[in-house]
N, C-alpha and C. Protein backbone atom coordinates (compact mmCIF):
# COMPACT_ATOMS: atom_id res chain seq x y z
N GLU A 1 -7.73 -109.59 -111.62
CA GLU A 1 -7.90 -110.82 -110.68
C GLU A 1 -9.07 -111.63 -110.84
N LYS A 2 -8.69 -112.79 -109.86
CA LYS A 2 -9.68 -113.69 -109.97
C LYS A 2 -10.94 -113.54 -108.99
N MET A 3 -11.90 -114.38 -109.11
CA MET A 3 -13.07 -114.15 -108.15
C MET A 3 -13.22 -115.73 -108.09
N LYS A 4 -13.32 -116.23 -106.82
CA LYS A 4 -13.71 -117.59 -106.70
C LYS A 4 -14.78 -117.88 -105.94
N ILE A 5 -15.89 -118.45 -106.17
CA ILE A 5 -17.33 -118.89 -105.76
C ILE A 5 -16.96 -120.35 -105.00
N VAL A 6 -17.14 -120.27 -103.96
CA VAL A 6 -17.07 -121.69 -102.91
C VAL A 6 -18.45 -121.87 -102.27
N PHE A 7 -18.68 -123.37 -102.83
CA PHE A 7 -20.10 -123.98 -102.24
C PHE A 7 -19.54 -124.70 -100.93
N TYR A 8 -20.61 -125.09 -99.80
CA TYR A 8 -20.62 -125.93 -98.91
C TYR A 8 -21.55 -126.95 -98.86
N ASP A 9 -21.00 -128.06 -98.33
CA ASP A 9 -22.20 -128.99 -98.03
C ASP A 9 -23.30 -128.62 -97.25
N GLY A 10 -24.55 -128.89 -97.38
CA GLY A 10 -25.48 -128.59 -96.67
C GLY A 10 -26.63 -129.33 -96.45
N THR A 11 -27.50 -129.35 -95.42
CA THR A 11 -28.66 -130.16 -95.43
C THR A 11 -29.91 -129.63 -95.09
N TYR A 12 -31.13 -130.14 -95.66
CA TYR A 12 -32.28 -129.28 -95.61
C TYR A 12 -32.67 -129.57 -94.07
N ASN A 13 -33.03 -128.72 -93.43
CA ASN A 13 -33.51 -128.39 -91.82
C ASN A 13 -35.10 -128.17 -92.13
N LYS A 14 -36.02 -129.17 -91.92
CA LYS A 14 -37.31 -128.96 -91.71
C LYS A 14 -37.98 -127.72 -90.89
N ASN A 15 -37.29 -127.86 -89.81
CA ASN A 15 -37.98 -126.70 -88.87
C ASN A 15 -37.70 -125.47 -89.35
N PHE A 16 -36.42 -125.11 -90.08
CA PHE A 16 -36.11 -123.90 -90.56
C PHE A 16 -36.56 -123.67 -91.86
N GLY A 17 -37.11 -124.50 -92.63
CA GLY A 17 -37.46 -124.51 -93.99
C GLY A 17 -36.43 -123.93 -94.94
N SER A 18 -35.10 -124.35 -94.49
CA SER A 18 -33.83 -123.93 -94.91
C SER A 18 -32.85 -124.58 -95.25
N ILE A 19 -31.71 -124.61 -96.33
CA ILE A 19 -30.65 -125.54 -96.00
C ILE A 19 -29.76 -124.86 -95.34
N LEU A 20 -28.93 -125.59 -94.33
CA LEU A 20 -28.23 -125.24 -93.40
C LEU A 20 -26.88 -125.88 -93.71
N PRO A 21 -25.74 -125.16 -93.46
CA PRO A 21 -24.37 -125.85 -93.49
C PRO A 21 -24.15 -127.14 -92.90
N SER A 22 -23.60 -127.86 -93.30
CA SER A 22 -23.16 -129.20 -92.56
C SER A 22 -21.91 -129.11 -92.26
N GLU A 23 -21.07 -128.26 -92.44
CA GLU A 23 -19.63 -128.77 -92.18
C GLU A 23 -19.14 -126.93 -91.83
N ASP A 24 -18.03 -127.10 -91.33
CA ASP A 24 -17.47 -125.42 -91.15
C ASP A 24 -16.78 -124.96 -92.63
N ILE A 25 -17.89 -124.03 -93.08
CA ILE A 25 -17.43 -123.49 -94.44
C ILE A 25 -16.10 -123.02 -94.12
N ILE A 26 -15.60 -122.04 -93.49
CA ILE A 26 -14.57 -121.35 -93.17
C ILE A 26 -13.02 -122.28 -93.48
N GLN A 27 -13.03 -123.37 -93.41
CA GLN A 27 -12.19 -124.05 -93.34
C GLN A 27 -11.69 -124.54 -94.76
N HIS A 28 -12.56 -124.06 -96.06
CA HIS A 28 -12.34 -124.59 -97.36
C HIS A 28 -11.63 -123.12 -97.92
N ILE A 29 -11.45 -122.01 -97.20
CA ILE A 29 -10.92 -120.89 -97.60
C ILE A 29 -9.66 -120.47 -96.68
N PRO A 30 -8.51 -120.60 -97.85
CA PRO A 30 -7.10 -120.44 -97.00
C PRO A 30 -7.32 -118.80 -96.65
N LYS A 31 -6.39 -118.48 -95.48
CA LYS A 31 -6.34 -117.13 -94.90
C LYS A 31 -5.88 -116.09 -96.02
N GLU A 32 -4.68 -116.71 -97.02
CA GLU A 32 -4.20 -115.80 -97.91
C GLU A 32 -5.43 -115.64 -99.19
N GLU A 33 -6.20 -116.30 -99.35
CA GLU A 33 -7.18 -116.02 -100.12
C GLU A 33 -8.52 -115.29 -99.58
N ALA A 34 -8.44 -115.06 -98.37
CA ALA A 34 -9.70 -114.32 -97.66
C ALA A 34 -9.45 -112.73 -97.76
N ASP A 35 -10.05 -112.38 -98.82
CA ASP A 35 -9.73 -110.86 -98.76
C ASP A 35 -11.32 -110.31 -98.74
N ILE A 36 -12.10 -110.63 -99.65
CA ILE A 36 -13.74 -109.98 -99.66
C ILE A 36 -14.94 -111.32 -99.72
N CYS A 37 -15.49 -111.27 -98.88
CA CYS A 37 -16.44 -112.62 -98.44
C CYS A 37 -17.67 -111.88 -98.70
N ILE A 38 -18.56 -112.36 -99.59
CA ILE A 38 -20.01 -112.07 -99.94
C ILE A 38 -20.99 -113.31 -99.62
N LEU A 39 -21.59 -113.27 -98.55
CA LEU A 39 -22.66 -113.97 -97.87
C LEU A 39 -23.77 -113.92 -98.30
N GLU A 40 -24.44 -115.03 -99.23
CA GLU A 40 -25.65 -114.93 -99.36
C GLU A 40 -26.67 -115.35 -98.73
N GLU A 41 -27.68 -114.95 -98.22
CA GLU A 41 -28.45 -115.39 -96.78
C GLU A 41 -27.76 -115.75 -95.77
N PRO A 42 -26.96 -114.80 -95.31
CA PRO A 42 -26.05 -114.95 -93.89
C PRO A 42 -26.58 -115.45 -93.05
N GLU A 43 -27.70 -115.13 -92.62
CA GLU A 43 -28.60 -115.65 -91.54
C GLU A 43 -28.88 -116.83 -91.32
N HIS A 44 -28.95 -117.70 -92.55
CA HIS A 44 -28.95 -118.97 -92.70
C HIS A 44 -27.87 -119.92 -92.51
N ILE A 45 -26.74 -119.10 -93.03
CA ILE A 45 -25.23 -119.67 -92.63
C ILE A 45 -24.63 -119.50 -91.07
N ASN A 46 -25.21 -118.74 -90.50
CA ASN A 46 -24.79 -118.33 -89.19
C ASN A 46 -25.95 -118.89 -88.13
N TRP A 47 -27.37 -119.66 -88.62
CA TRP A 47 -28.02 -120.25 -87.65
C TRP A 47 -27.31 -121.36 -86.86
N LEU A 48 -26.43 -122.37 -87.94
CA LEU A 48 -25.50 -123.27 -87.42
C LEU A 48 -24.36 -122.96 -86.99
N LYS A 49 -23.77 -122.38 -86.10
CA LYS A 49 -22.45 -121.77 -85.93
C LYS A 49 -21.42 -123.00 -85.52
N THR A 50 -20.66 -122.95 -86.27
CA THR A 50 -19.10 -123.82 -86.35
C THR A 50 -18.39 -123.53 -85.72
N PRO A 51 -17.54 -123.91 -84.79
CA PRO A 51 -16.22 -123.28 -84.10
C PRO A 51 -15.22 -122.94 -84.52
N SER A 52 -15.29 -122.24 -85.62
CA SER A 52 -14.48 -121.74 -86.39
C SER A 52 -14.17 -120.34 -85.93
N THR A 53 -13.28 -119.61 -86.89
CA THR A 53 -12.81 -118.33 -86.70
C THR A 53 -13.91 -117.30 -87.11
N PRO A 54 -14.60 -116.22 -86.47
CA PRO A 54 -15.42 -115.68 -87.27
C PRO A 54 -15.14 -114.96 -88.38
N TRP A 55 -16.20 -114.64 -89.13
CA TRP A 55 -16.26 -114.25 -90.71
C TRP A 55 -15.24 -113.13 -90.45
N THR A 56 -15.83 -112.07 -89.99
CA THR A 56 -15.04 -110.66 -89.75
C THR A 56 -13.72 -110.82 -89.02
N THR A 57 -13.25 -111.55 -88.74
CA THR A 57 -11.91 -111.86 -88.29
C THR A 57 -10.73 -112.70 -89.58
N HIS A 58 -11.62 -113.64 -90.25
CA HIS A 58 -10.82 -114.43 -91.20
C HIS A 58 -10.83 -113.67 -92.46
N PHE A 59 -11.76 -112.88 -92.66
CA PHE A 59 -11.91 -112.00 -94.06
C PHE A 59 -11.30 -110.44 -93.88
N GLU A 60 -11.05 -109.77 -94.73
CA GLU A 60 -10.69 -108.43 -94.57
C GLU A 60 -11.95 -107.74 -94.60
N HIS A 61 -12.78 -108.30 -95.52
CA HIS A 61 -14.27 -107.59 -95.67
C HIS A 61 -15.30 -108.48 -95.91
N VAL A 62 -16.41 -108.26 -95.34
CA VAL A 62 -17.68 -109.21 -95.28
C VAL A 62 -18.79 -108.26 -95.62
N VAL A 63 -19.65 -109.07 -96.36
CA VAL A 63 -20.71 -108.47 -96.90
C VAL A 63 -21.79 -109.23 -97.02
N GLY A 64 -23.04 -109.00 -96.64
CA GLY A 64 -24.05 -110.14 -96.51
C GLY A 64 -25.20 -109.61 -97.44
N ILE A 65 -25.81 -110.58 -97.91
CA ILE A 65 -26.96 -110.21 -98.64
C ILE A 65 -28.22 -110.79 -98.42
N ILE A 66 -29.26 -109.92 -97.71
CA ILE A 66 -30.36 -110.91 -97.06
C ILE A 66 -31.42 -110.52 -98.05
N HIS A 67 -32.36 -111.57 -98.46
CA HIS A 67 -33.64 -111.22 -99.21
C HIS A 67 -34.49 -112.20 -99.10
N THR A 68 -34.60 -112.65 -97.58
CA THR A 68 -35.84 -113.47 -97.03
C THR A 68 -36.75 -112.55 -96.69
N ASN A 69 -38.21 -112.74 -97.01
CA ASN A 69 -39.07 -111.73 -96.71
C ASN A 69 -39.92 -112.43 -95.45
N TYR A 70 -39.32 -112.05 -94.23
CA TYR A 70 -39.53 -112.89 -92.98
C TYR A 70 -40.92 -112.54 -92.66
N LEU A 71 -41.51 -111.18 -93.17
CA LEU A 71 -42.75 -110.79 -92.89
C LEU A 71 -43.91 -111.75 -93.53
N ALA A 72 -43.46 -112.04 -94.65
CA ALA A 72 -44.32 -113.32 -95.19
C ALA A 72 -44.22 -114.29 -94.73
N TYR A 73 -43.28 -115.15 -94.21
CA TYR A 73 -43.08 -116.20 -93.39
C TYR A 73 -43.65 -116.55 -92.15
N SER A 74 -43.64 -115.02 -91.44
CA SER A 74 -44.05 -115.05 -90.09
C SER A 74 -45.82 -115.02 -90.29
N SER A 75 -46.27 -114.39 -91.29
CA SER A 75 -47.98 -114.40 -91.39
C SER A 75 -48.32 -115.78 -91.77
N ASN A 76 -47.24 -116.77 -92.05
CA ASN A 76 -47.88 -117.96 -92.66
C ASN A 76 -47.62 -118.92 -91.25
N PHE A 77 -47.06 -118.64 -90.14
CA PHE A 77 -47.33 -119.62 -88.95
C PHE A 77 -48.36 -119.64 -88.59
N THR A 78 -48.82 -120.80 -87.85
CA THR A 78 -50.05 -121.16 -87.52
C THR A 78 -50.28 -120.79 -85.98
N ILE A 79 -49.23 -120.63 -85.40
CA ILE A 79 -49.03 -120.36 -83.81
C ILE A 79 -48.68 -119.24 -83.78
N PHE A 80 -49.21 -118.28 -83.00
CA PHE A 80 -48.70 -116.97 -82.91
C PHE A 80 -48.22 -115.82 -84.07
N SER A 81 -49.14 -116.43 -85.25
CA SER A 81 -48.40 -115.45 -86.39
C SER A 81 -48.69 -114.00 -86.39
N ARG A 82 -49.95 -113.71 -85.73
CA ARG A 82 -50.10 -112.28 -85.70
C ARG A 82 -48.82 -111.77 -84.61
N LEU A 83 -49.00 -112.02 -83.53
CA LEU A 83 -48.12 -111.58 -82.55
C LEU A 83 -46.27 -111.53 -83.17
N LEU A 84 -46.15 -112.52 -84.01
CA LEU A 84 -44.61 -112.73 -84.45
C LEU A 84 -44.70 -111.69 -85.57
N THR A 85 -45.59 -111.43 -86.47
CA THR A 85 -45.64 -110.45 -87.34
C THR A 85 -45.49 -109.22 -86.97
N PHE A 86 -46.28 -108.73 -86.05
CA PHE A 86 -46.31 -107.53 -85.42
C PHE A 86 -44.75 -107.17 -84.86
N LEU A 87 -44.18 -108.32 -84.21
CA LEU A 87 -42.66 -107.74 -83.69
C LEU A 87 -41.70 -107.79 -84.70
N LEU A 88 -41.85 -108.46 -85.89
CA LEU A 88 -40.83 -108.50 -86.88
C LEU A 88 -40.85 -107.12 -87.73
N LYS A 89 -42.07 -106.43 -87.66
CA LYS A 89 -42.36 -105.33 -88.18
C LYS A 89 -41.86 -104.18 -87.58
N ARG A 90 -41.65 -104.73 -86.26
CA ARG A 90 -40.71 -103.40 -85.49
C ARG A 90 -39.41 -103.38 -85.86
N PHE A 91 -38.72 -104.62 -86.26
CA PHE A 91 -37.60 -104.67 -86.76
C PHE A 91 -37.08 -104.39 -87.89
N ASN A 92 -37.80 -104.58 -88.85
CA ASN A 92 -37.88 -104.53 -90.18
C ASN A 92 -37.67 -103.00 -90.86
């Protein structure tokens, strides 16, 4: 079987410090090819919610790989960094 890697158009968002999609990603993947979806940094993709079908409805299986160290990010914030880091530790 073949594995297909699909890239999407995105733009850098200074407020988030991340690249976010600038289009509906799911529209590029036909339903008949939508078996397994592996999302790298899924939280970045989902910050900008497009009006398409949810990932778990479009694909048979969805896996997300998150490797951002949000504790490191939060500790570098200048405003409320101690509080934010404390709260994130509770969820981490």
